[in-house]
Amino acid sequence: MELRVHDLLRISSVKDLQGDFTEAEWLLKAVTRAPFVVVRRAPFTDGLIPAGIRGENRNQRLAAAVLSTGIKEVITPEQISAEMGWRTRSHIRKSRLFEPLETLHKIFKSYQILWGPVGSVGFELASKADTVTETSDLDIVMRTPEVLPVCTAKDIVKRISELPVKLDVQMETPNGSVALEEYARGGSKLLLRTVHGPKLVEDPWEPV
């Protein structure tokens, strides 16, 4: 089973999780309501997948690990965007994020780039639990296994800058992620988020 950062994992119960939960009295309620965790950016160890857990409130976030044997389903961001579930989920259709999602779908399709919503939007569309709020931003991941021309990045940034919501778009390369906006500026050094921590690089596709 190949898992990548931002993939959402459906689990059976909190028994599938490992970590220090002494300060997370909200955990049981959150996992019962929406039994999903997200793969986080950290090294994988034998039989354990680094995972992030989210509760109903913004301050309810927890880093943990999930037993690989406890994973019942994997939902990827690009799977979420391909299904366009925001069109049928009334809670999101009524939100200010609906039209931007429609526009993003058209933009990335025109460049033939795989993408998907992560954060609260991705979580809601995977779990079917109301997660998006009036203050939610749009967090987006682009799958860029091969070098993306800077001119293309600039064009995408220009088009998405016209959307009426705050966006955080991350380009996922084989080595980690870099912010689309930062890459589009064409600077000599870029901040690459890797499983071993952030690194300054010139080329995010070059092995580090």
N, C-alpha and C. Protein backbone atom coordinates (compact mmCIF):
# COMPACT_ATOMS: atom_id res chain seq x y z
N MET A 1 0.85 -1.20 0.00
CA MET A 1 0.00 0.00 0.00
C MET A 1 0.88 1.25 0.00
N GLU A 2 0.80 2.04 -1.06
CA GLU A 2 1.58 3.27 -1.14
C GLU A 2 0.77 4.43 -0.58
N LEU A 3 1.32 5.05 0.46
CA LEU A 3 0.65 6.17 1.10
C LEU A 3 1.49 7.42 0.92
N ARG A 4 0.82 8.55 0.76
CA ARG A 4 1.52 9.82 0.58
C ARG A 4 0.94 10.86 1.52
N VAL A 5 1.73 11.88 1.80
CA VAL A 5 1.29 12.99 2.64
C VAL A 5 -0.03 13.53 2.10
N HIS A 6 -0.94 13.84 2.99
CA HIS A 6 -2.27 14.38 2.71
C HIS A 6 -3.33 13.31 2.43
N ASP A 7 -2.92 12.05 2.23
CA ASP A 7 -3.92 11.00 2.05
C ASP A 7 -4.74 10.88 3.33
N LEU A 8 -6.03 10.66 3.18
CA LEU A 8 -6.91 10.47 4.33
C LEU A 8 -7.15 8.98 4.54
N LEU A 9 -7.04 8.54 5.79
CA LEU A 9 -7.15 7.13 6.13
C LEU A 9 -8.36 6.90 7.03
N ARG A 10 -9.23 6.01 6.60
CA ARG A 10 -10.36 5.63 7.46
C ARG A 10 -9.91 4.49 8.36
N ILE A 11 -10.17 4.65 9.65
CA ILE A 11 -9.78 3.63 10.63
C ILE A 11 -11.02 3.11 11.34
N SER A 12 -10.84 2.06 12.14
CA SER A 12 -11.98 1.47 12.83
C SER A 12 -12.31 2.22 14.12
N SER A 13 -11.29 2.52 14.91
CA SER A 13 -11.51 3.15 16.21
C SER A 13 -10.20 3.73 16.72
N VAL A 14 -10.26 4.35 17.89
CA VAL A 14 -9.05 4.92 18.50
C VAL A 14 -8.03 3.83 18.84
N LYS A 15 -8.46 2.59 18.89
CA LYS A 15 -7.53 1.50 19.18
C LYS A 15 -6.50 1.32 18.08
N ASP A 16 -6.78 1.88 16.91
CA ASP A 16 -5.84 1.79 15.80
C ASP A 16 -4.76 2.88 15.88
N LEU A 17 -4.85 3.75 16.88
CA LEU A 17 -3.93 4.89 16.99
C LEU A 17 -2.93 4.68 18.11
N GLN A 18 -1.75 5.25 17.93
CA GLN A 18 -0.72 5.24 18.97
C GLN A 18 -0.20 6.64 19.17
N GLY A 19 0.03 7.01 20.42
CA GLY A 19 0.54 8.34 20.74
C GLY A 19 0.22 8.71 22.17
N ASP A 20 0.60 9.92 22.54
CA ASP A 20 0.31 10.44 23.87
C ASP A 20 -0.99 11.22 23.81
N PHE A 21 -2.05 10.64 24.34
CA PHE A 21 -3.37 11.25 24.25
C PHE A 21 -3.86 11.80 25.59
N THR A 22 -2.96 11.98 26.54
CA THR A 22 -3.36 12.39 27.89
C THR A 22 -4.03 13.77 27.91
N GLU A 23 -3.65 14.65 26.97
CA GLU A 23 -4.22 15.99 26.95
C GLU A 23 -5.31 16.13 25.88
N ALA A 24 -5.75 15.03 25.34
CA ALA A 24 -6.73 15.07 24.23
C ALA A 24 -8.01 14.37 24.64
N GLU A 25 -8.73 14.99 25.56
CA GLU A 25 -9.99 14.40 26.02
C GLU A 25 -11.05 14.40 24.91
N TRP A 26 -10.80 15.18 23.87
CA TRP A 26 -11.73 15.28 22.74
C TRP A 26 -11.55 14.15 21.73
N LEU A 27 -10.49 13.36 21.87
CA LEU A 27 -10.10 12.40 20.84
C LEU A 27 -11.19 11.37 20.53
N LEU A 28 -11.74 10.73 21.54
CA LEU A 28 -12.72 9.67 21.32
C LEU A 28 -13.93 10.20 20.57
N LYS A 29 -14.42 11.37 20.98
CA LYS A 29 -15.59 11.96 20.31
C LYS A 29 -15.27 12.27 18.85
N ALA A 30 -14.06 12.80 18.61
CA ALA A 30 -13.70 13.19 17.25
C ALA A 30 -13.60 11.99 16.33
N VAL A 31 -12.96 10.91 16.80
CA VAL A 31 -12.77 9.73 15.96
C VAL A 31 -14.09 8.98 15.77
N THR A 32 -14.96 9.03 16.79
CA THR A 32 -16.27 8.40 16.65
C THR A 32 -17.10 9.14 15.62
N ARG A 33 -17.03 10.46 15.64
CA ARG A 33 -17.79 11.30 14.70
C ARG A 33 -17.27 11.14 13.28
N ALA A 34 -15.96 11.12 13.12
CA ALA A 34 -15.35 11.03 11.79
C ALA A 34 -14.08 10.19 11.91
N PRO A 35 -14.16 8.89 11.67
CA PRO A 35 -13.01 8.00 11.88
C PRO A 35 -11.96 8.10 10.77
N PHE A 36 -11.41 9.32 10.62
CA PHE A 36 -10.41 9.56 9.59
C PHE A 36 -9.21 10.29 10.18
N VAL A 37 -8.03 9.94 9.71
CA VAL A 37 -6.81 10.66 10.05
C VAL A 37 -6.11 10.99 8.74
N VAL A 38 -5.16 11.92 8.78
CA VAL A 38 -4.46 12.32 7.57
C VAL A 38 -2.99 11.96 7.69
N VAL A 39 -2.41 11.46 6.63
CA VAL A 39 -0.99 11.13 6.63
C VAL A 39 -0.20 12.43 6.74
N ARG A 40 0.68 12.51 7.74
CA ARG A 40 1.48 13.72 7.91
C ARG A 40 2.91 13.50 7.43
N ARG A 41 3.64 14.60 7.31
CA ARG A 41 4.99 14.57 6.76
C ARG A 41 5.98 14.20 7.84
N ALA A 42 6.29 12.92 7.92
CA ALA A 42 7.24 12.39 8.90
C ALA A 42 7.69 11.02 8.41
N PRO A 43 8.82 10.53 8.91
CA PRO A 43 9.29 9.20 8.47
C PRO A 43 8.31 8.10 8.85
N PHE A 44 8.16 7.13 7.96
CA PHE A 44 7.35 5.94 8.24
C PHE A 44 8.22 4.94 9.01
N THR A 45 7.62 4.25 9.95
CA THR A 45 8.32 3.18 10.65
C THR A 45 7.55 1.88 10.44
N ASP A 46 8.17 0.77 10.77
CA ASP A 46 7.55 -0.53 10.51
C ASP A 46 6.16 -0.62 11.11
N GLY A 47 5.18 -0.75 10.24
CA GLY A 47 3.81 -0.97 10.69
C GLY A 47 3.10 0.25 11.23
N LEU A 48 3.78 1.40 11.28
CA LEU A 48 3.18 2.62 11.81
C LEU A 48 3.24 3.74 10.78
N ILE A 49 2.10 4.39 10.58
CA ILE A 49 2.01 5.49 9.63
C ILE A 49 1.84 6.80 10.41
N PRO A 50 2.71 7.80 10.18
CA PRO A 50 2.53 9.08 10.87
C PRO A 50 1.21 9.73 10.45
N ALA A 51 0.43 10.13 11.42
CA ALA A 51 -0.91 10.63 11.11
C ALA A 51 -1.25 11.85 11.95
N GLY A 52 -2.10 12.69 11.39
CA GLY A 52 -2.61 13.83 12.12
C GLY A 52 -4.09 13.63 12.40
N ILE A 53 -4.51 14.00 13.60
CA ILE A 53 -5.90 13.85 14.02
C ILE A 53 -6.48 15.24 14.23
N ARG A 54 -7.70 15.44 13.78
CA ARG A 54 -8.34 16.73 13.98
C ARG A 54 -9.66 16.56 14.70
N GLY A 55 -9.92 17.47 15.65
CA GLY A 55 -11.20 17.50 16.32
C GLY A 55 -12.10 18.54 15.68
N GLU A 56 -13.18 18.87 16.34
CA GLU A 56 -14.13 19.82 15.77
C GLU A 56 -13.63 21.26 15.84
N ASN A 57 -12.78 21.58 16.82
CA ASN A 57 -12.29 22.94 16.99
C ASN A 57 -10.88 23.09 16.42
N ARG A 58 -10.52 24.31 16.05
CA ARG A 58 -9.24 24.58 15.41
C ARG A 58 -8.06 24.20 16.30
N ASN A 59 -8.24 24.33 17.63
CA ASN A 59 -7.14 24.01 18.54
C ASN A 59 -7.05 22.52 18.87
N GLN A 60 -7.90 21.73 18.27
CA GLN A 60 -7.89 20.28 18.53
C GLN A 60 -7.18 19.57 17.38
N ARG A 61 -5.86 19.55 17.47
CA ARG A 61 -5.01 18.90 16.49
C ARG A 61 -3.98 18.07 17.24
N LEU A 62 -3.67 16.90 16.71
CA LEU A 62 -2.77 16.00 17.42
C LEU A 62 -1.97 15.17 16.44
N ALA A 63 -0.66 15.07 16.69
CA ALA A 63 0.20 14.19 15.90
C ALA A 63 0.22 12.82 16.56
N ALA A 64 0.06 11.80 15.75
CA ALA A 64 0.02 10.43 16.29
C ALA A 64 0.54 9.48 15.20
N ALA A 65 0.29 8.22 15.40
CA ALA A 65 0.61 7.21 14.39
C ALA A 65 -0.56 6.25 14.32
N VAL A 66 -0.76 5.68 13.15
CA VAL A 66 -1.84 4.72 12.97
C VAL A 66 -1.25 3.38 12.56
N LEU A 67 -1.76 2.32 13.11
CA LEU A 67 -1.31 0.98 12.74
C LEU A 67 -1.74 0.69 11.30
N SER A 68 -0.80 0.24 10.50
CA SER A 68 -1.14 -0.03 9.10
C SER A 68 -2.23 -1.08 8.98
N THR A 69 -2.31 -1.97 9.96
CA THR A 69 -3.35 -3.01 9.94
C THR A 69 -4.73 -2.45 10.24
N GLY A 70 -4.78 -1.22 10.76
CA GLY A 70 -6.06 -0.61 11.11
C GLY A 70 -6.65 0.24 10.01
N ILE A 71 -5.94 0.37 8.88
CA ILE A 71 -6.43 1.21 7.78
C ILE A 71 -7.49 0.45 6.98
N LYS A 72 -8.67 1.02 6.93
CA LYS A 72 -9.80 0.39 6.21
C LYS A 72 -9.99 0.96 4.81
N GLU A 73 -9.56 2.20 4.60
CA GLU A 73 -9.76 2.84 3.31
C GLU A 73 -8.77 3.99 3.17
N VAL A 74 -8.31 4.22 1.96
CA VAL A 74 -7.43 5.35 1.67
C VAL A 74 -8.12 6.24 0.64
N ILE A 75 -8.21 7.53 0.95
CA ILE A 75 -8.82 8.49 0.04
C ILE A 75 -7.79 9.58 -0.24
N THR A 76 -7.42 9.75 -1.50
CA THR A 76 -6.40 10.72 -1.87
C THR A 76 -7.02 12.06 -2.25
N PRO A 77 -6.25 13.15 -2.13
CA PRO A 77 -6.78 14.45 -2.53
C PRO A 77 -7.22 14.48 -3.99
N GLU A 78 -6.43 13.83 -4.89
CA GLU A 78 -6.81 13.84 -6.29
C GLU A 78 -8.07 13.02 -6.55
N GLN A 79 -8.31 12.01 -5.73
CA GLN A 79 -9.56 11.25 -5.83
C GLN A 79 -10.73 12.14 -5.44
N ILE A 80 -10.54 12.95 -4.40
CA ILE A 80 -11.59 13.86 -3.94
C ILE A 80 -11.95 14.86 -5.04
N SER A 81 -10.92 15.43 -5.69
CA SER A 81 -11.21 16.42 -6.73
C SER A 81 -11.83 15.78 -7.96
N ALA A 82 -11.40 14.55 -8.28
CA ALA A 82 -11.96 13.87 -9.45
C ALA A 82 -13.45 13.59 -9.27
N GLU A 83 -13.85 13.30 -8.03
CA GLU A 83 -15.26 13.00 -7.76
C GLU A 83 -16.11 14.27 -7.64
N MET A 84 -15.45 15.42 -7.46
CA MET A 84 -16.14 16.71 -7.36
C MET A 84 -17.30 16.66 -6.36
N GLY A 85 -17.02 16.10 -5.21
CA GLY A 85 -18.06 15.92 -4.19
C GLY A 85 -18.64 17.22 -3.66
N TRP A 86 -17.93 18.34 -3.87
CA TRP A 86 -18.47 19.63 -3.40
C TRP A 86 -19.76 19.99 -4.14
N ARG A 87 -20.00 19.37 -5.29
CA ARG A 87 -21.22 19.67 -6.04
C ARG A 87 -22.46 19.03 -5.43
N THR A 88 -22.26 17.97 -4.68
CA THR A 88 -23.41 17.26 -4.11
C THR A 88 -23.51 17.42 -2.60
N ARG A 89 -22.49 17.98 -1.98
CA ARG A 89 -22.54 18.16 -0.52
C ARG A 89 -23.10 19.54 -0.21
N SER A 90 -24.31 19.58 0.29
CA SER A 90 -25.03 20.85 0.48
C SER A 90 -24.29 21.79 1.43
N HIS A 91 -23.62 21.23 2.45
CA HIS A 91 -22.92 22.07 3.42
C HIS A 91 -21.83 22.90 2.74
N ILE A 92 -21.18 22.34 1.73
CA ILE A 92 -20.14 23.08 1.01
C ILE A 92 -20.75 23.91 -0.11
N ARG A 93 -21.80 23.40 -0.74
CA ARG A 93 -22.46 24.18 -1.79
C ARG A 93 -22.95 25.53 -1.26
N LYS A 94 -23.33 25.55 0.02
CA LYS A 94 -23.84 26.79 0.62
C LYS A 94 -22.71 27.70 1.11
N SER A 95 -21.48 27.20 1.11
CA SER A 95 -20.36 27.98 1.64
C SER A 95 -19.73 28.86 0.56
N ARG A 96 -18.89 29.79 1.00
CA ARG A 96 -18.21 30.69 0.06
C ARG A 96 -17.09 29.98 -0.70
N LEU A 97 -16.82 28.73 -0.37
CA LEU A 97 -15.75 27.99 -1.03
C LEU A 97 -16.21 27.24 -2.28
N PHE A 98 -17.52 27.15 -2.48
CA PHE A 98 -18.02 26.34 -3.59
C PHE A 98 -17.55 26.86 -4.95
N GLU A 99 -17.78 28.12 -5.23
CA GLU A 99 -17.40 28.67 -6.53
C GLU A 99 -15.89 28.61 -6.75
N PRO A 100 -15.06 28.95 -5.75
CA PRO A 100 -13.62 28.79 -5.94
C PRO A 100 -13.20 27.35 -6.26
N LEU A 101 -13.85 26.37 -5.66
CA LEU A 101 -13.54 24.98 -5.99
C LEU A 101 -13.88 24.67 -7.44
N GLU A 102 -15.00 25.18 -7.91
CA GLU A 102 -15.37 24.99 -9.31
C GLU A 102 -14.33 25.62 -10.24
N THR A 103 -13.87 26.81 -9.89
CA THR A 103 -12.88 27.50 -10.71
C THR A 103 -11.54 26.77 -10.70
N LEU A 104 -11.13 26.32 -9.53
CA LEU A 104 -9.87 25.59 -9.43
C LEU A 104 -9.90 24.32 -10.27
N HIS A 105 -11.05 23.65 -10.27
CA HIS A 105 -11.18 22.44 -11.08
C HIS A 105 -10.91 22.75 -12.56
N LYS A 106 -11.44 23.86 -13.04
CA LYS A 106 -11.24 24.25 -14.43
C LYS A 106 -9.78 24.65 -14.69
N ILE A 107 -9.19 25.37 -13.75
CA ILE A 107 -7.81 25.83 -13.93
C ILE A 107 -6.85 24.65 -14.02
N PHE A 108 -6.91 23.75 -13.05
CA PHE A 108 -5.96 22.64 -13.05
C PHE A 108 -6.22 21.66 -14.19
N LYS A 109 -7.48 21.52 -14.57
CA LYS A 109 -7.80 20.66 -15.72
C LYS A 109 -7.18 21.20 -17.00
N SER A 110 -7.16 22.53 -17.14
CA SER A 110 -6.59 23.13 -18.35
C SER A 110 -5.10 22.89 -18.45
N TYR A 111 -4.43 22.67 -17.31
CA TYR A 111 -2.98 22.38 -17.32
C TYR A 111 -2.70 20.89 -17.17
N GLN A 112 -3.75 20.08 -17.08
CA GLN A 112 -3.63 18.63 -16.89
C GLN A 112 -2.78 18.30 -15.67
N ILE A 113 -3.05 19.01 -14.57
CA ILE A 113 -2.35 18.80 -13.31
C ILE A 113 -3.28 18.11 -12.32
N LEU A 114 -2.78 17.03 -11.71
CA LEU A 114 -3.55 16.37 -10.66
C LEU A 114 -3.51 17.24 -9.41
N TRP A 115 -4.63 17.41 -8.77
CA TRP A 115 -4.71 18.28 -7.60
C TRP A 115 -5.81 17.76 -6.69
N GLY A 116 -5.90 18.37 -5.53
CA GLY A 116 -7.00 18.03 -4.63
C GLY A 116 -7.04 18.95 -3.43
N PRO A 117 -8.23 19.12 -2.86
CA PRO A 117 -8.36 19.90 -1.63
C PRO A 117 -7.91 19.09 -0.43
N VAL A 118 -7.20 19.75 0.48
CA VAL A 118 -6.81 19.12 1.75
C VAL A 118 -7.38 20.00 2.86
N GLY A 119 -6.87 19.90 4.07
CA GLY A 119 -7.41 20.71 5.15
C GLY A 119 -8.87 20.39 5.43
N SER A 120 -9.63 21.40 5.84
CA SER A 120 -11.01 21.18 6.25
C SER A 120 -11.90 20.72 5.09
N VAL A 121 -11.66 21.24 3.89
CA VAL A 121 -12.48 20.85 2.74
C VAL A 121 -12.26 19.39 2.39
N GLY A 122 -11.00 19.00 2.29
CA GLY A 122 -10.69 17.60 1.98
C GLY A 122 -11.22 16.66 3.04
N PHE A 123 -11.10 17.06 4.29
CA PHE A 123 -11.56 16.21 5.39
C PHE A 123 -13.07 16.04 5.33
N GLU A 124 -13.78 17.11 5.07
CA GLU A 124 -15.25 17.00 5.01
C GLU A 124 -15.69 16.14 3.84
N LEU A 125 -15.08 16.32 2.69
CA LEU A 125 -15.50 15.56 1.52
C LEU A 125 -15.18 14.08 1.65
N ALA A 126 -14.15 13.75 2.41
CA ALA A 126 -13.81 12.34 2.62
C ALA A 126 -14.67 11.73 3.72
N SER A 127 -14.83 12.45 4.81
CA SER A 127 -15.49 11.89 5.99
C SER A 127 -17.00 12.08 5.99
N LYS A 128 -17.49 13.04 5.20
CA LYS A 128 -18.92 13.42 5.17
C LYS A 128 -19.38 14.02 6.50
N ALA A 129 -18.42 14.54 7.28
CA ALA A 129 -18.75 15.23 8.53
C ALA A 129 -18.56 16.73 8.30
N ASP A 130 -19.53 17.54 8.74
CA ASP A 130 -19.44 18.99 8.56
C ASP A 130 -18.17 19.52 9.23
N THR A 131 -17.26 20.07 8.45
CA THR A 131 -15.97 20.53 8.96
C THR A 131 -15.68 21.95 8.53
N VAL A 132 -16.09 22.32 7.33
CA VAL A 132 -15.85 23.66 6.80
C VAL A 132 -16.66 24.69 7.58
N THR A 133 -16.02 25.82 7.88
CA THR A 133 -16.71 26.93 8.56
C THR A 133 -16.62 28.18 7.70
N GLU A 134 -17.23 29.25 8.17
CA GLU A 134 -17.22 30.50 7.41
C GLU A 134 -15.82 31.11 7.34
N THR A 135 -14.93 30.69 8.22
CA THR A 135 -13.57 31.25 8.21
C THR A 135 -12.56 30.29 7.59
N SER A 136 -13.01 29.17 7.06
CA SER A 136 -12.09 28.19 6.48
C SER A 136 -11.42 28.75 5.23
N ASP A 137 -10.10 28.46 5.12
CA ASP A 137 -9.37 28.79 3.91
C ASP A 137 -9.40 27.57 2.99
N LEU A 138 -8.87 27.74 1.79
CA LEU A 138 -8.76 26.64 0.85
C LEU A 138 -7.31 26.17 0.81
N ASP A 139 -7.07 24.96 1.28
CA ASP A 139 -5.74 24.36 1.22
C ASP A 139 -5.74 23.36 0.06
N ILE A 140 -4.77 23.53 -0.83
CA ILE A 140 -4.73 22.74 -2.06
C ILE A 140 -3.37 22.08 -2.22
N VAL A 141 -3.37 20.85 -2.70
CA VAL A 141 -2.12 20.18 -3.05
C VAL A 141 -2.12 19.89 -4.55
N MET A 142 -1.00 20.18 -5.19
CA MET A 142 -0.78 19.85 -6.60
C MET A 142 0.22 18.69 -6.65
N ARG A 143 -0.06 17.67 -7.42
CA ARG A 143 0.90 16.59 -7.60
C ARG A 143 1.79 16.95 -8.79
N THR A 144 3.06 17.20 -8.53
CA THR A 144 4.00 17.61 -9.58
C THR A 144 5.20 16.67 -9.55
N PRO A 145 5.04 15.44 -10.05
CA PRO A 145 6.16 14.49 -10.05
C PRO A 145 7.29 14.91 -10.98
N GLU A 146 6.99 15.74 -11.98
CA GLU A 146 8.00 16.23 -12.91
C GLU A 146 8.07 17.75 -12.82
N VAL A 147 9.18 18.30 -13.31
CA VAL A 147 9.42 19.74 -13.20
C VAL A 147 8.28 20.54 -13.84
N LEU A 148 7.77 21.49 -13.08
CA LEU A 148 6.73 22.39 -13.58
C LEU A 148 7.41 23.67 -14.05
N PRO A 149 7.23 24.06 -15.31
CA PRO A 149 7.85 25.31 -15.78
C PRO A 149 7.42 26.50 -14.92
N VAL A 150 8.37 27.37 -14.61
CA VAL A 150 8.07 28.53 -13.77
C VAL A 150 7.00 29.40 -14.43
N CYS A 151 7.04 29.49 -15.75
CA CYS A 151 6.03 30.31 -16.44
C CYS A 151 4.62 29.76 -16.23
N THR A 152 4.51 28.43 -16.17
CA THR A 152 3.20 27.82 -15.89
C THR A 152 2.76 28.13 -14.47
N ALA A 153 3.70 28.04 -13.52
CA ALA A 153 3.39 28.36 -12.13
C ALA A 153 2.93 29.80 -12.01
N LYS A 154 3.58 30.71 -12.72
CA LYS A 154 3.19 32.12 -12.69
C LYS A 154 1.76 32.30 -13.21
N ASP A 155 1.45 31.60 -14.29
CA ASP A 155 0.10 31.71 -14.87
C ASP A 155 -0.96 31.21 -13.89
N ILE A 156 -0.66 30.10 -13.23
CA ILE A 156 -1.62 29.53 -12.27
C ILE A 156 -1.81 30.49 -11.10
N VAL A 157 -0.70 31.02 -10.58
CA VAL A 157 -0.79 31.96 -9.45
C VAL A 157 -1.62 33.17 -9.83
N LYS A 158 -1.42 33.67 -11.04
CA LYS A 158 -2.19 34.85 -11.49
C LYS A 158 -3.68 34.53 -11.53
N ARG A 159 -4.03 33.36 -12.02
CA ARG A 159 -5.44 33.00 -12.15
C ARG A 159 -6.10 32.76 -10.79
N ILE A 160 -5.38 32.10 -9.88
CA ILE A 160 -5.99 31.81 -8.58
C ILE A 160 -5.99 33.03 -7.67
N SER A 161 -5.13 34.01 -7.98
CA SER A 161 -5.10 35.22 -7.15
C SER A 161 -6.39 36.03 -7.29
N GLU A 162 -7.15 35.74 -8.34
CA GLU A 162 -8.40 36.45 -8.56
C GLU A 162 -9.57 35.86 -7.77
N LEU A 163 -9.32 34.72 -7.12
CA LEU A 163 -10.39 34.08 -6.34
C LEU A 163 -10.62 34.84 -5.03
N PRO A 164 -11.87 34.89 -4.56
CA PRO A 164 -12.20 35.71 -3.39
C PRO A 164 -11.97 35.02 -2.04
N VAL A 165 -11.06 34.04 -2.00
CA VAL A 165 -10.76 33.36 -0.74
C VAL A 165 -9.25 33.22 -0.61
N LYS A 166 -8.80 32.99 0.61
CA LYS A 166 -7.38 32.79 0.85
C LYS A 166 -7.02 31.34 0.50
N LEU A 167 -5.96 31.19 -0.30
CA LEU A 167 -5.54 29.87 -0.71
C LEU A 167 -4.11 29.59 -0.27
N ASP A 168 -3.86 28.34 0.07
CA ASP A 168 -2.50 27.86 0.32
C ASP A 168 -2.32 26.67 -0.62
N VAL A 169 -1.51 26.87 -1.68
CA VAL A 169 -1.31 25.83 -2.68
C VAL A 169 0.11 25.29 -2.56
N GLN A 170 0.21 24.00 -2.30
CA GLN A 170 1.50 23.34 -2.16
C GLN A 170 1.75 22.40 -3.34
N MET A 171 2.95 22.48 -3.91
CA MET A 171 3.36 21.58 -4.97
C MET A 171 4.08 20.39 -4.33
N GLU A 172 3.57 19.19 -4.55
CA GLU A 172 4.21 17.99 -4.00
C GLU A 172 5.13 17.38 -5.06
N THR A 173 6.43 17.45 -4.81
CA THR A 173 7.42 16.83 -5.68
C THR A 173 7.83 15.49 -5.04
N PRO A 174 8.63 14.68 -5.72
CA PRO A 174 9.08 13.42 -5.12
C PRO A 174 9.88 13.61 -3.84
N ASN A 175 10.39 14.82 -3.61
CA ASN A 175 11.25 15.06 -2.45
C ASN A 175 10.56 15.80 -1.30
N GLY A 176 9.38 16.32 -1.56
CA GLY A 176 8.68 17.10 -0.54
C GLY A 176 7.82 18.16 -1.20
N SER A 177 7.42 19.14 -0.43
CA SER A 177 6.52 20.17 -0.99
C SER A 177 7.13 21.55 -0.92
N VAL A 178 6.72 22.38 -1.86
CA VAL A 178 7.13 23.78 -1.89
C VAL A 178 5.90 24.60 -2.24
N ALA A 179 5.81 25.79 -1.69
CA ALA A 179 4.65 26.65 -1.96
C ALA A 179 4.66 27.10 -3.42
N LEU A 180 3.52 26.95 -4.07
CA LEU A 180 3.41 27.35 -5.48
C LEU A 180 3.79 28.81 -5.67
N GLU A 181 3.30 29.68 -4.80
CA GLU A 181 3.56 31.11 -4.94
C GLU A 181 5.05 31.41 -4.83
N GLU A 182 5.73 30.72 -3.90
CA GLU A 182 7.17 30.94 -3.74
C GLU A 182 7.93 30.45 -4.98
N TYR A 183 7.55 29.30 -5.49
CA TYR A 183 8.20 28.75 -6.68
C TYR A 183 7.99 29.67 -7.88
N ALA A 184 6.80 30.22 -8.01
CA ALA A 184 6.47 31.08 -9.15
C ALA A 184 7.29 32.36 -9.16
N ARG A 185 7.76 32.80 -7.98
CA ARG A 185 8.57 34.02 -7.93
C ARG A 185 9.95 33.81 -8.53
N GLY A 186 10.37 32.55 -8.64
CA GLY A 186 11.64 32.26 -9.30
C GLY A 186 12.87 32.62 -8.49
N GLY A 187 12.79 32.54 -7.17
CA GLY A 187 13.94 32.84 -6.33
C GLY A 187 15.01 31.77 -6.42
N SER A 188 16.21 32.10 -5.96
CA SER A 188 17.33 31.16 -6.05
C SER A 188 17.22 30.04 -5.02
N LYS A 189 16.59 30.33 -3.89
CA LYS A 189 16.44 29.33 -2.83
C LYS A 189 14.96 29.15 -2.50
N LEU A 190 14.54 27.90 -2.34
CA LEU A 190 13.16 27.58 -2.03
C LEU A 190 13.10 26.75 -0.76
N LEU A 191 12.07 26.96 0.04
CA LEU A 191 11.88 26.18 1.25
C LEU A 191 11.13 24.90 0.89
N LEU A 192 11.81 23.77 1.01
CA LEU A 192 11.23 22.47 0.70
C LEU A 192 10.90 21.75 2.00
N ARG A 193 9.64 21.37 2.17
CA ARG A 193 9.23 20.61 3.35
C ARG A 193 9.44 19.12 3.06
N THR A 194 10.29 18.48 3.84
CA THR A 194 10.58 17.06 3.64
C THR A 194 10.21 16.28 4.90
N VAL A 195 10.26 14.95 4.80
CA VAL A 195 9.93 14.13 5.98
C VAL A 195 10.97 14.28 7.07
N HIS A 196 12.14 14.85 6.74
CA HIS A 196 13.20 15.05 7.72
C HIS A 196 13.34 16.52 8.11
N GLY A 197 12.32 17.31 7.81
CA GLY A 197 12.35 18.71 8.17
C GLY A 197 12.54 19.61 6.97
N PRO A 198 12.42 20.94 7.17
CA PRO A 198 12.55 21.88 6.06
C PRO A 198 14.00 22.02 5.59
N LYS A 199 14.16 22.22 4.27
CA LYS A 199 15.48 22.41 3.68
C LYS A 199 15.41 23.51 2.64
N LEU A 200 16.49 24.29 2.51
CA LEU A 200 16.58 25.28 1.46
C LEU A 200 17.23 24.64 0.24
N VAL A 201 16.54 24.71 -0.90
CA VAL A 201 17.03 24.07 -2.11
C VAL A 201 16.89 25.02 -3.30
N GLU A 202 17.63 24.73 -4.35
CA GLU A 202 17.49 25.47 -5.59
C GLU A 202 16.49 24.80 -6.52
N ASP A 203 16.47 23.47 -6.49
CA ASP A 203 15.59 22.71 -7.36
C ASP A 203 14.83 21.68 -6.52
N PRO A 204 13.52 21.86 -6.32
CA PRO A 204 12.77 20.94 -5.45
C PRO A 204 12.63 19.53 -6.02
N TRP A 205 13.00 19.34 -7.28
CA TRP A 205 12.95 18.00 -7.89
C TRP A 205 14.29 17.27 -7.80
N GLU A 206 15.32 18.02 -7.43
CA GLU A 206 16.64 17.40 -7.30
C GLU A 206 16.72 16.66 -5.98
N PRO A 207 17.14 15.37 -5.98
CA PRO A 207 17.23 14.62 -4.72
C PRO A 207 18.06 15.37 -3.68
N VAL A 208 17.58 15.37 -2.44
CA VAL A 208 18.29 16.09 -1.36
C VAL A 208 18.87 15.08 -0.36
